[in-house]
Protein backbone atom coordinates (compact mmCIF):
# COMPACT_ATOMS: atom_id res chain seq x y z
CA MET A 1 -30.84 -58.52 27.15
CA ALA A 2 -31.86 -55.79 29.51
CA ASN A 3 -29.45 -57.27 32.07
CA GLU A 4 -26.54 -56.01 29.93
CA LEU A 5 -27.72 -52.45 30.38
CA PRO A 6 -26.84 -50.18 33.32
CA GLY A 7 -29.75 -49.49 35.63
CA TYR A 8 -30.19 -45.91 34.46
CA VAL A 9 -30.71 -47.10 30.86
CA ALA A 10 -32.86 -50.14 31.65
CA ALA A 11 -35.12 -48.04 33.88
CA SER A 12 -35.76 -45.43 31.19
CA VAL A 13 -39.37 -45.22 30.01
CA PRO A 14 -40.26 -43.32 26.81
CA ASN A 15 -42.49 -40.28 27.14
CA PRO A 16 -45.82 -41.40 25.63
CA ALA A 17 -47.52 -39.49 22.82
CA GLU A 18 -50.47 -38.47 25.00
CA LYS A 19 -48.16 -36.51 27.31
CA ARG A 20 -46.67 -34.42 24.52
CA ALA A 21 -47.80 -30.95 23.50
CA PRO A 22 -47.48 -28.37 20.68
CA TRP A 23 -44.20 -26.49 20.30
CA TYR A 24 -45.67 -23.20 21.53
CA LYS A 25 -46.54 -24.76 24.90
CA ASN A 26 -43.12 -26.22 25.74
CA THR A 27 -40.06 -25.86 23.50
CA ALA A 28 -40.48 -22.28 22.29
CA PRO A 29 -41.31 -20.58 25.62
CA SER A 30 -38.74 -22.64 27.53
CA TYR A 31 -35.89 -21.74 25.19
CA ALA A 32 -37.02 -18.12 24.88
CA GLY A 33 -36.90 -17.87 28.67
CA ILE A 34 -33.26 -18.97 28.60
CA PHE A 35 -32.28 -16.10 26.30
CA LEU A 36 -34.42 -13.53 28.10
CA TRP A 37 -32.44 -14.29 31.25
CA VAL A 38 -30.17 -11.30 31.98
CA PRO A 39 -26.79 -13.17 32.07
CA PHE A 40 -27.18 -13.76 28.31
CA TYR A 41 -27.10 -10.10 27.35
CA LEU A 42 -25.53 -8.47 30.43
CA GLY A 43 -22.01 -8.35 28.99
CA LEU A 44 -22.86 -8.86 25.33
CA ALA A 45 -22.23 -5.29 24.18
CA GLY A 46 -18.70 -4.65 25.47
CA PRO A 47 -16.67 -6.99 23.25
CA THR A 48 -18.98 -6.64 20.23
CA ILE A 49 -20.41 -3.18 19.46
CA SER A 50 -17.15 -1.61 20.65
CA GLN A 51 -15.60 -3.20 17.53
CA ALA A 52 -18.33 -3.52 14.94
CA SER A 53 -21.37 -1.58 13.83
CA LEU A 54 -24.80 -2.41 15.16
CA SER A 55 -25.84 -3.84 11.80
CA VAL A 56 -22.88 -6.25 11.77
CA CYS A 57 -23.60 -7.34 15.33
CA ILE A 58 -27.30 -7.89 14.60
CA LEU A 59 -26.27 -9.97 11.58
CA GLY A 60 -24.03 -11.93 13.91
CA LEU A 61 -27.01 -12.65 16.14
CA VAL A 62 -29.03 -13.88 13.15
CA VAL A 63 -26.23 -16.20 12.03
CA ALA A 64 -25.58 -17.39 15.59
CA GLY A 65 -29.27 -18.18 16.04
CA LEU A 66 -29.38 -20.28 12.89
CA LEU A 67 -26.16 -22.08 13.83
CA CYS A 68 -27.49 -22.82 17.32
CA PHE A 69 -30.67 -24.21 15.80
CA GLY A 70 -29.14 -26.22 12.97
CA LEU A 71 -25.93 -27.53 14.51
CA TYR A 72 -26.44 -27.75 18.26
CA TYR A 73 -30.15 -28.27 18.80
CA TYR A 74 -31.71 -30.09 15.85
CA ALA A 75 -30.13 -33.56 16.05
CA PRO A 76 -30.57 -34.01 19.84
CA ALA A 77 -34.13 -32.65 19.62
CA MET A 78 -35.04 -35.02 16.79
CA LEU A 79 -33.61 -37.97 18.70
CA GLY A 80 -35.58 -36.96 21.79
CA MET A 81 -38.76 -36.64 19.74
CA GLN A 82 -38.31 -39.99 17.97
CA THR A 83 -37.46 -41.99 21.09
CA GLY A 84 -39.30 -40.09 23.83
CA ARG A 85 -36.11 -40.40 25.89
CA PRO A 86 -33.89 -37.74 27.55
CA LEU A 87 -30.33 -36.71 26.73
CA TYR A 88 -28.57 -39.11 29.09
CA ILE A 89 -30.28 -42.01 27.28
CA VAL A 90 -29.93 -40.95 23.64
CA GLY A 91 -26.33 -39.97 24.45
CA THR A 92 -25.48 -43.64 25.14
CA SER A 93 -25.29 -44.20 21.40
CA THR A 94 -22.54 -41.60 21.01
CA PHE A 95 -20.67 -42.24 24.26
CA GLY A 96 -21.71 -45.76 25.31
CA THR A 97 -23.68 -47.14 28.22
CA THR A 98 -20.70 -46.93 30.57
CA GLY A 99 -19.33 -43.77 29.00
CA GLY A 100 -22.72 -42.13 29.36
CA TYR A 101 -22.26 -41.90 33.12
CA ALA A 102 -19.67 -39.17 32.73
CA MET A 103 -20.72 -37.73 29.39
CA PRO A 104 -23.20 -36.24 28.99
CA GLY A 105 -24.62 -37.44 32.35
CA LEU A 106 -22.46 -36.04 35.16
CA LEU A 107 -20.91 -33.34 32.96
CA MET A 108 -24.35 -31.85 32.36
CA GLY A 109 -24.99 -31.84 36.11
CA LEU A 110 -21.70 -30.15 36.91
CA LEU A 111 -22.17 -27.43 34.31
CA GLN A 112 -25.69 -26.81 35.59
CA ILE A 113 -24.17 -26.05 38.98
CA GLY A 114 -22.03 -23.49 37.17
CA TRP A 115 -25.20 -21.94 35.76
CA PHE A 116 -26.75 -22.10 39.23
CA SER A 117 -23.85 -20.06 40.61
CA VAL A 118 -24.25 -17.50 37.82
CA ALA A 119 -27.98 -17.17 38.55
CA THR A 120 -27.35 -16.80 42.28
CA TYR A 121 -24.61 -14.19 41.85
CA PHE A 122 -26.59 -11.95 39.51
CA ALA A 123 -29.84 -12.27 41.43
CA ALA A 124 -28.07 -11.10 44.61
CA ASP A 125 -26.22 -8.39 42.67
CA TYR A 126 -29.42 -6.98 41.15
CA ILE A 127 -31.20 -7.02 44.51
CA MET A 128 -28.24 -5.08 45.93
CA ARG A 129 -28.47 -2.59 43.07
CA GLY A 130 -32.19 -2.18 43.64
CA LEU A 131 -31.53 -1.48 47.31
CA ASN A 132 -28.57 0.77 46.41
CA ALA A 133 -26.61 -1.18 49.05
CA GLN A 134 -22.90 -1.95 49.24
CA SER A 135 -22.67 -4.24 52.28
CA GLY A 136 -20.58 -7.36 51.70
CA ALA A 137 -22.34 -9.17 54.52
CA LEU A 138 -25.72 -8.45 52.96
CA ARG A 139 -24.52 -9.77 49.60
CA VAL A 140 -23.34 -13.01 51.19
CA THR A 141 -26.62 -13.38 53.09
CA LEU A 142 -28.71 -12.76 49.98
CA SER A 143 -26.64 -15.25 47.98
CA LEU A 144 -26.95 -18.00 50.57
CA VAL A 145 -30.68 -17.48 51.16
CA TRP A 146 -31.33 -17.40 47.41
CA ALA A 147 -29.25 -20.54 46.81
CA TYR A 148 -30.61 -22.80 49.54
CA VAL A 149 -34.25 -21.70 49.51
CA LEU A 150 -34.56 -22.11 45.74
CA ALA A 151 -32.65 -25.39 45.81
CA GLY A 152 -35.24 -26.72 48.26
CA ILE A 153 -38.05 -25.52 46.01
CA ALA A 154 -36.42 -27.14 42.97
CA ILE A 155 -36.24 -30.50 44.74
CA LYS A 156 -39.75 -30.46 46.18
CA GLY A 157 -41.89 -28.22 43.99
CA ILE A 158 -40.45 -27.80 40.49
CA GLN A 159 -43.94 -28.21 39.01
CA TYR A 160 -45.01 -24.95 40.63
CA VAL A 161 -41.90 -23.19 39.34
CA ALA A 162 -42.76 -24.29 35.80
CA ARG A 163 -46.17 -22.64 36.11
CA VAL A 164 -44.71 -19.41 37.48
CA ALA A 165 -42.05 -19.39 34.75
CA GLN A 166 -44.74 -19.00 32.09
CA PHE A 167 -45.44 -15.57 33.60
CA LEU A 168 -41.92 -14.64 34.66
CA ASN A 169 -40.61 -15.06 31.10
CA TRP A 170 -42.55 -11.94 30.12
CA VAL A 171 -41.03 -9.81 32.88
CA PRO A 172 -37.52 -9.42 31.39
CA LEU A 173 -38.97 -8.86 27.91
CA VAL A 174 -41.04 -5.95 29.20
CA MET A 175 -38.01 -4.60 31.08
CA ILE A 176 -35.84 -4.87 27.95
CA LEU A 177 -38.41 -2.87 25.99
CA VAL A 178 -38.61 -0.21 28.72
CA VAL A 179 -34.81 0.16 28.76
CA LEU A 180 -34.76 0.40 24.96
CA TRP A 181 -37.41 3.13 25.01
CA ALA A 182 -35.44 5.11 27.59
CA ASN A 183 -32.33 5.05 25.38
CA LYS A 184 -33.75 5.10 21.87
CA ASP A 185 -32.74 8.68 21.04
CA GLY A 186 -29.00 7.98 21.12
CA ILE A 187 -28.99 4.90 18.88
CA GLY A 188 -28.46 6.83 15.66
CA SER A 189 -25.44 8.65 17.10
CA TYR A 190 -23.56 5.55 18.19
CA ALA A 191 -20.37 4.40 16.46
CA PRO A 192 -17.73 1.80 17.43
CA GLU A 193 -14.49 3.00 18.97
CA PRO A 194 -12.17 3.99 16.07
CA ASP A 195 -9.06 2.38 17.58
CA LYS A 196 -10.90 -0.94 18.06
CA ALA A 197 -12.86 -1.03 14.81
CA SER A 198 -13.04 -4.58 13.41
CA SER A 199 -16.22 -5.76 11.77
CA TRP A 200 -14.94 -9.34 11.60
CA GLY A 201 -13.79 -9.23 15.23
CA GLY A 202 -17.20 -8.06 16.43
CA PHE A 203 -18.99 -10.61 14.25
CA VAL A 204 -17.03 -13.68 15.42
CA THR A 205 -17.19 -12.48 19.03
CA ILE A 206 -20.98 -12.45 18.81
CA LEU A 207 -20.91 -16.00 17.46
CA GLY A 208 -18.60 -17.18 20.23
CA ILE A 209 -20.59 -15.64 23.07
CA VAL A 210 -24.01 -16.76 21.85
CA ILE A 211 -22.99 -20.31 20.93
CA GLY A 212 -21.00 -20.69 24.15
CA PHE A 213 -24.02 -19.60 26.15
CA PHE A 214 -26.30 -21.99 24.27
CA ALA A 215 -24.19 -25.15 24.02
CA THR A 216 -25.58 -27.06 27.02
CA ALA A 217 -29.12 -26.01 26.15
CA GLY A 218 -28.53 -27.29 22.62
CA ALA A 219 -27.61 -30.77 23.83
CA ALA A 220 -30.61 -30.62 26.16
CA GLY A 221 -32.72 -30.37 23.00
CA ALA A 222 -33.26 -34.10 23.54
CA ASP A 223 -35.09 -33.34 26.77
CA PHE A 224 -37.23 -30.73 25.01
CA GLY A 225 -37.74 -32.92 21.95
CA MET A 226 -39.15 -35.80 23.99
CA ASN A 227 -42.10 -33.51 24.72
CA ASN A 228 -42.67 -32.70 21.02
CA ARG A 229 -45.19 -34.54 18.87
CA ASN A 230 -43.42 -34.50 15.51
CA ARG A 231 -40.69 -32.96 13.33
CA ARG A 232 -42.77 -29.81 12.82
CA ASP A 233 -42.86 -29.15 16.57
CA VAL A 234 -39.10 -29.63 16.74
CA ALA A 235 -38.49 -27.19 13.87
CA LEU A 236 -40.97 -24.46 14.86
CA GLY A 237 -40.10 -24.66 18.55
CA GLY A 238 -36.42 -24.24 17.74
CA LEU A 239 -36.74 -21.54 15.12
CA THR A 240 -38.99 -19.48 17.40
CA GLY A 241 -37.52 -20.19 20.82
CA ILE A 242 -33.88 -20.19 19.69
CA ALA A 243 -33.20 -18.37 16.40
CA LEU A 244 -35.81 -15.63 16.84
CA ALA A 245 -35.31 -15.31 20.60
CA ILE A 246 -31.55 -14.80 20.16
CA VAL A 247 -32.12 -11.87 17.81
CA VAL A 248 -34.73 -10.27 20.09
CA ALA A 249 -33.09 -10.92 23.46
CA GLY A 250 -29.64 -10.06 22.16
CA GLY A 251 -30.45 -7.31 19.69
CA LEU A 252 -32.65 -5.08 21.86
CA PRO A 253 -30.07 -4.81 24.69
CA LEU A 254 -27.35 -4.04 22.14
CA LEU A 255 -29.48 -1.21 20.79
CA SER A 256 -30.15 0.01 24.33
CA VAL A 257 -26.46 0.13 25.27
CA ALA A 258 -25.65 1.83 21.97
CA GLY A 259 -28.36 4.41 22.63
CA HIS A 260 -27.06 4.99 26.15
CA LEU A 261 -23.56 5.62 24.77
CA GLY A 262 -24.66 7.53 21.69
CA GLY A 263 -23.40 10.84 22.99
CA THR A 264 -20.28 9.45 24.68
CA PRO A 265 -17.06 10.32 22.86
CA ALA A 266 -14.50 7.56 22.25
CA PRO A 267 -12.46 6.10 23.88
CA ARG A 268 -14.90 4.72 26.42
CA ASP A 269 -14.39 2.99 29.75
CA PRO A 270 -15.14 -0.75 29.16
CA ALA A 271 -17.48 -0.69 32.17
CA VAL A 272 -19.90 1.64 30.41
CA TYR A 273 -20.92 -1.22 28.09
CA ASP A 274 -22.39 -3.11 31.06
CA TYR A 275 -26.14 -3.49 30.53
CA ALA A 276 -26.69 -2.80 34.24
CA ARG A 277 -25.55 0.79 33.68
CA THR A 278 -28.03 1.10 30.86
CA ILE A 279 -30.81 -0.11 33.15
CA ALA A 280 -29.79 2.59 35.65
CA SER A 281 -30.45 5.20 32.95
CA ALA A 282 -34.19 4.50 33.34
CA GLY A 283 -34.19 6.90 36.29
CA SER A 284 -36.72 6.40 39.06
CA LEU A 285 -37.86 3.10 37.52
CA ALA A 286 -34.37 1.59 37.77
CA PRO A 287 -34.61 0.17 41.34
CA VAL A 288 -37.89 -1.59 40.54
CA MET A 289 -36.43 -2.92 37.30
CA PHE A 290 -33.40 -4.36 39.09
CA PHE A 291 -35.75 -6.20 41.47
CA LEU A 292 -37.78 -7.53 38.53
CA PHE A 293 -34.70 -8.71 36.66
CA ALA A 294 -33.65 -10.50 39.86
CA ALA A 295 -37.11 -12.08 40.14
CA ALA A 296 -36.78 -13.34 36.57
CA SER A 297 -33.74 -15.38 37.73
CA LEU A 298 -35.95 -17.43 40.04
CA ALA A 299 -37.00 -19.95 37.39
CA PRO A 300 -33.51 -20.41 35.85
CA THR A 301 -32.04 -20.98 39.32
CA CYS A 302 -34.62 -23.67 40.09
CA PHE A 303 -34.38 -25.33 36.69
CA CYS A 304 -30.56 -25.50 36.87
CA THR A 305 -30.83 -27.11 40.30
CA PHE A 306 -33.49 -29.54 39.13
CA ILE A 307 -31.48 -30.67 36.08
CA ALA A 308 -28.33 -31.09 38.18
CA SER A 309 -30.27 -32.95 40.86
CA THR A 310 -31.75 -35.33 38.29
CA SER A 311 -28.33 -35.90 36.74
CA PHE A 312 -26.67 -36.75 40.05
CA ALA A 313 -29.58 -38.91 41.25
CA THR A 314 -29.57 -40.88 37.98
CA MET A 315 -25.82 -41.35 37.64
CA LEU A 316 -25.01 -41.70 41.37
CA PRO A 317 -28.06 -43.60 42.68
CA LYS A 318 -26.30 -44.80 45.86
CA ILE A 319 -26.01 -41.22 47.11
CA PRO A 320 -29.31 -39.79 48.41
CA LYS A 321 -30.65 -37.19 46.00
CA THR A 322 -30.94 -34.49 48.66
CA VAL A 323 -27.35 -35.05 49.80
CA SER A 324 -25.80 -34.87 46.32
CA THR A 325 -27.93 -31.86 45.38
CA MET A 326 -27.16 -29.86 48.51
CA ALA A 327 -23.45 -30.62 48.20
CA ALA A 328 -23.53 -29.31 44.64
CA VAL A 329 -25.60 -26.28 45.70
CA THR A 330 -23.02 -25.47 48.37
CA LEU A 331 -20.31 -25.44 45.70
CA GLY A 332 -22.46 -23.20 43.50
CA ALA A 333 -23.17 -20.84 46.39
CA ALA A 334 -19.43 -20.60 47.12
CA LEU A 335 -18.74 -19.65 43.48
CA ALA A 336 -21.42 -16.96 43.72
CA VAL A 337 -20.28 -15.54 47.07
CA THR A 338 -16.63 -15.34 46.01
CA GLY A 339 -17.54 -13.62 42.73
CA VAL A 340 -16.05 -16.35 40.53
CA ALA A 341 -19.45 -16.66 38.82
CA GLN A 342 -19.15 -13.07 37.61
CA ASN A 343 -16.80 -14.07 34.77
CA LEU A 344 -19.53 -14.75 32.25
CA ILE A 345 -17.46 -14.76 29.05
CA GLY A 346 -14.94 -17.18 30.56
CA PHE A 347 -17.75 -19.44 31.72
CA PHE A 348 -19.39 -19.38 28.28
CA THR A 349 -16.04 -20.44 26.81
CA ILE A 350 -15.83 -23.48 29.10
CA VAL A 351 -19.45 -24.42 28.41
CA GLY A 352 -18.96 -24.13 24.66
CA ALA A 353 -15.72 -26.10 24.76
CA SER A 354 -17.37 -28.82 26.86
CA PHE A 355 -20.62 -29.25 24.99
CA GLY A 356 -19.69 -28.06 21.49
CA PRO A 357 -17.94 -31.35 20.64
CA ILE A 358 -20.68 -33.34 22.39
CA CYS A 359 -23.23 -31.77 20.05
CA GLY A 360 -20.86 -32.30 17.11
CA ALA A 361 -20.34 -35.98 17.90
CA MET A 362 -24.09 -36.51 18.40
CA ALA A 363 -24.80 -34.79 15.08
CA ALA A 364 -22.30 -37.08 13.32
CA ASP A 365 -23.89 -40.13 14.96
CA TYR A 366 -27.30 -38.84 13.83
CA VAL A 367 -26.09 -38.48 10.22
CA LEU A 368 -24.38 -41.88 10.19
CA SER A 369 -27.58 -43.49 11.51
CA HIS A 370 -29.64 -41.82 8.76
CA GLY A 371 -31.55 -39.60 11.16
CA LYS A 372 -32.53 -42.35 13.61
CA TRP A 373 -31.37 -43.35 17.07
CA PRO A 374 -29.49 -46.66 16.70
CA GLY A 375 -29.76 -47.49 20.40
CA PRO A 376 -27.28 -47.69 23.28
CA ARG A 377 -23.74 -48.90 22.57
CA GLN A 378 -21.90 -51.27 24.83
CA GLY A 379 -19.37 -49.95 27.35
CA ILE A 380 -17.45 -46.84 26.31
CA ASN A 381 -17.76 -45.52 22.77
CA TRP A 382 -14.21 -44.29 22.25
CA ALA A 383 -15.18 -42.60 18.99
CA GLY A 384 -17.30 -40.23 21.05
CA TYR A 385 -14.73 -39.68 23.78
CA ILE A 386 -11.86 -39.02 21.38
CA ALA A 387 -14.06 -36.66 19.35
CA TRP A 388 -14.94 -34.80 22.55
CA ALA A 389 -11.29 -34.55 23.67
CA VAL A 390 -10.13 -33.11 20.35
CA GLY A 391 -13.02 -30.65 20.25
CA PHE A 392 -12.50 -29.60 23.87
CA VAL A 393 -8.83 -28.78 23.29
CA ILE A 394 -9.76 -26.68 20.27
CA GLY A 395 -12.46 -24.96 22.32
CA ILE A 396 -9.99 -23.83 24.99
CA LEU A 397 -7.07 -23.27 22.61
CA ASP A 398 -6.84 -19.56 23.38
CA LYS A 399 -6.46 -20.42 27.09
CA ILE A 400 -3.53 -22.84 26.57
CA PRO A 401 -0.13 -21.22 27.28
CA GLY A 402 2.14 -21.29 24.26
CA ALA A 403 -0.61 -22.02 21.73
CA PRO A 404 0.36 -20.59 18.30
CA ALA A 405 -1.26 -17.18 17.91
CA GLY A 406 -1.92 -17.75 14.22
CA LEU A 407 -3.76 -21.00 14.89
CA VAL A 408 -5.80 -19.44 17.69
CA SER A 409 -6.80 -16.58 15.40
CA ALA A 410 -7.68 -18.94 12.54
CA LEU A 411 -9.95 -21.02 14.79
CA ARG A 412 -12.14 -18.16 16.00
CA PRO A 413 -14.74 -18.62 17.27
CA GLU A 414 -13.25 -21.68 18.95
CA VAL A 415 -16.63 -22.88 20.18
CA LEU A 416 -17.81 -23.32 16.58
CA PHE A 417 -14.66 -25.15 15.52
CA SER A 418 -14.95 -27.41 18.57
CA PHE A 419 -18.33 -28.54 17.21
CA PHE A 420 -16.90 -29.29 13.77
CA ALA A 421 -13.93 -31.10 15.32
CA GLY A 422 -16.32 -33.30 17.29
CA PHE A 423 -18.35 -33.99 14.16
CA VAL A 424 -15.42 -34.78 11.85
CA VAL A 425 -13.45 -36.89 14.34
CA TYR A 426 -16.49 -38.95 15.34
CA PHE A 427 -17.51 -39.46 11.70
CA ALA A 428 -14.01 -40.62 10.76
CA LEU A 429 -13.54 -42.93 13.74
CA ALA A 430 -16.99 -44.46 13.28
CA LYS A 431 -16.16 -45.19 9.64
CA MET A 432 -12.96 -46.87 10.86
CA GLY A 433 -15.07 -49.22 12.99
CA LEU A 434 -14.29 -47.76 16.41
CA GLU A 435 -17.93 -47.80 17.57
CA PRO A 436 -18.74 -50.65 20.00
CA PRO A 437 -21.68 -52.99 19.32
CA LEU A 438 -25.24 -51.98 20.07
CA VAL A 439 -27.07 -53.30 23.12
CA PRO A 440 -30.77 -53.72 22.23
CA LEU A 441 -33.48 -52.39 24.50
CA GLU A 442 -36.30 -54.71 25.44
CA SER A 443 -38.92 -52.30 24.09
CA PRO A 444 -37.46 -50.01 21.42
CA ALA A 445 -39.31 -46.72 21.34
CA GLN A 446 -38.46 -45.58 17.85
CA LYS A 447 -41.31 -43.54 16.40
């Protein structure tokens, strides 16, 4: 019955057991590298520690880490581990073999181009800061060179990037520790701004930012899980690379910014919460540190390009891979050059709204199937698409003109409620019989 399957499903081959490795060689360092990337914590302090105490915000990081692990990552990772297949294959159960083209297939590729633009913008920005340069022409040149050179590397030599990434992951961690040491004396003197004080506001803002940042990586847990040997690898890799990494990579910069502002009387200029200013407080080391933070963006830029390239090549096989990738890279470079990619919090909101309900629907499918992958479903699984649509609207509710303020406030953080909406709606529609029939694979790879 393989002829009933689209080519991208029929051609899928499970990752064999002999090619898998322990959690500390793949899942944990890969996820930790995502959180050690500077866009995660660059703007984390402004909307959080300005409202709530450091202890509340650190608690928010702990809770966010556990939610990312348990809600967004675990089910996709387990499905990847059991089947040995990537996200765009295991997602055909939740969204259907035809529906899987758009979601999560092409949607993942498009959002990766968004991440590519973010990486390109901040790499160029940090190089400019290291050079203490202001030239607009230089910024454009740096952005374009960074974008196209690394895109070429991602297409031709991603295996070499993976090896370098094992070293580069340590660079931002060392830099974070250096910045913390330079600002440690002011931590005890820091207090939120009195006119903005809101422990709950700071707490839910932390949840929204962290989960929004993580949502696509959570769904990609299937791709990480297919390289895991067993449930233990899935659990330990996630708890270490996600839950623990969020607390470390988020908490230390928060402490650094607080220490930098410890002697600053309230009210404060919002710009002073920017982590880049805290880096600058390191004195003569600051230019070198900016260059090193930029270098640490090399691997994320390449990985984003590689994932997008794979997505487009798989879902749009009639378009040459190089053509589709370079077209997408050009779009990403334009977003970086124009500064659109600078709006991190807004981008995290879109990511969370897009992939929160995908993760929720996949989790519901996982529960309904008793923790196993049932296999691809025929055509479009409308239970998955309707669940996604409801969750997406909830995820962007605060951006919809005329949305009731009380409802928006009650559904904070929206990214978390978008997950639950996806879960509940899919569960209910599946129980009502809205799931299409399964299409068996010739060689099921359930483990």
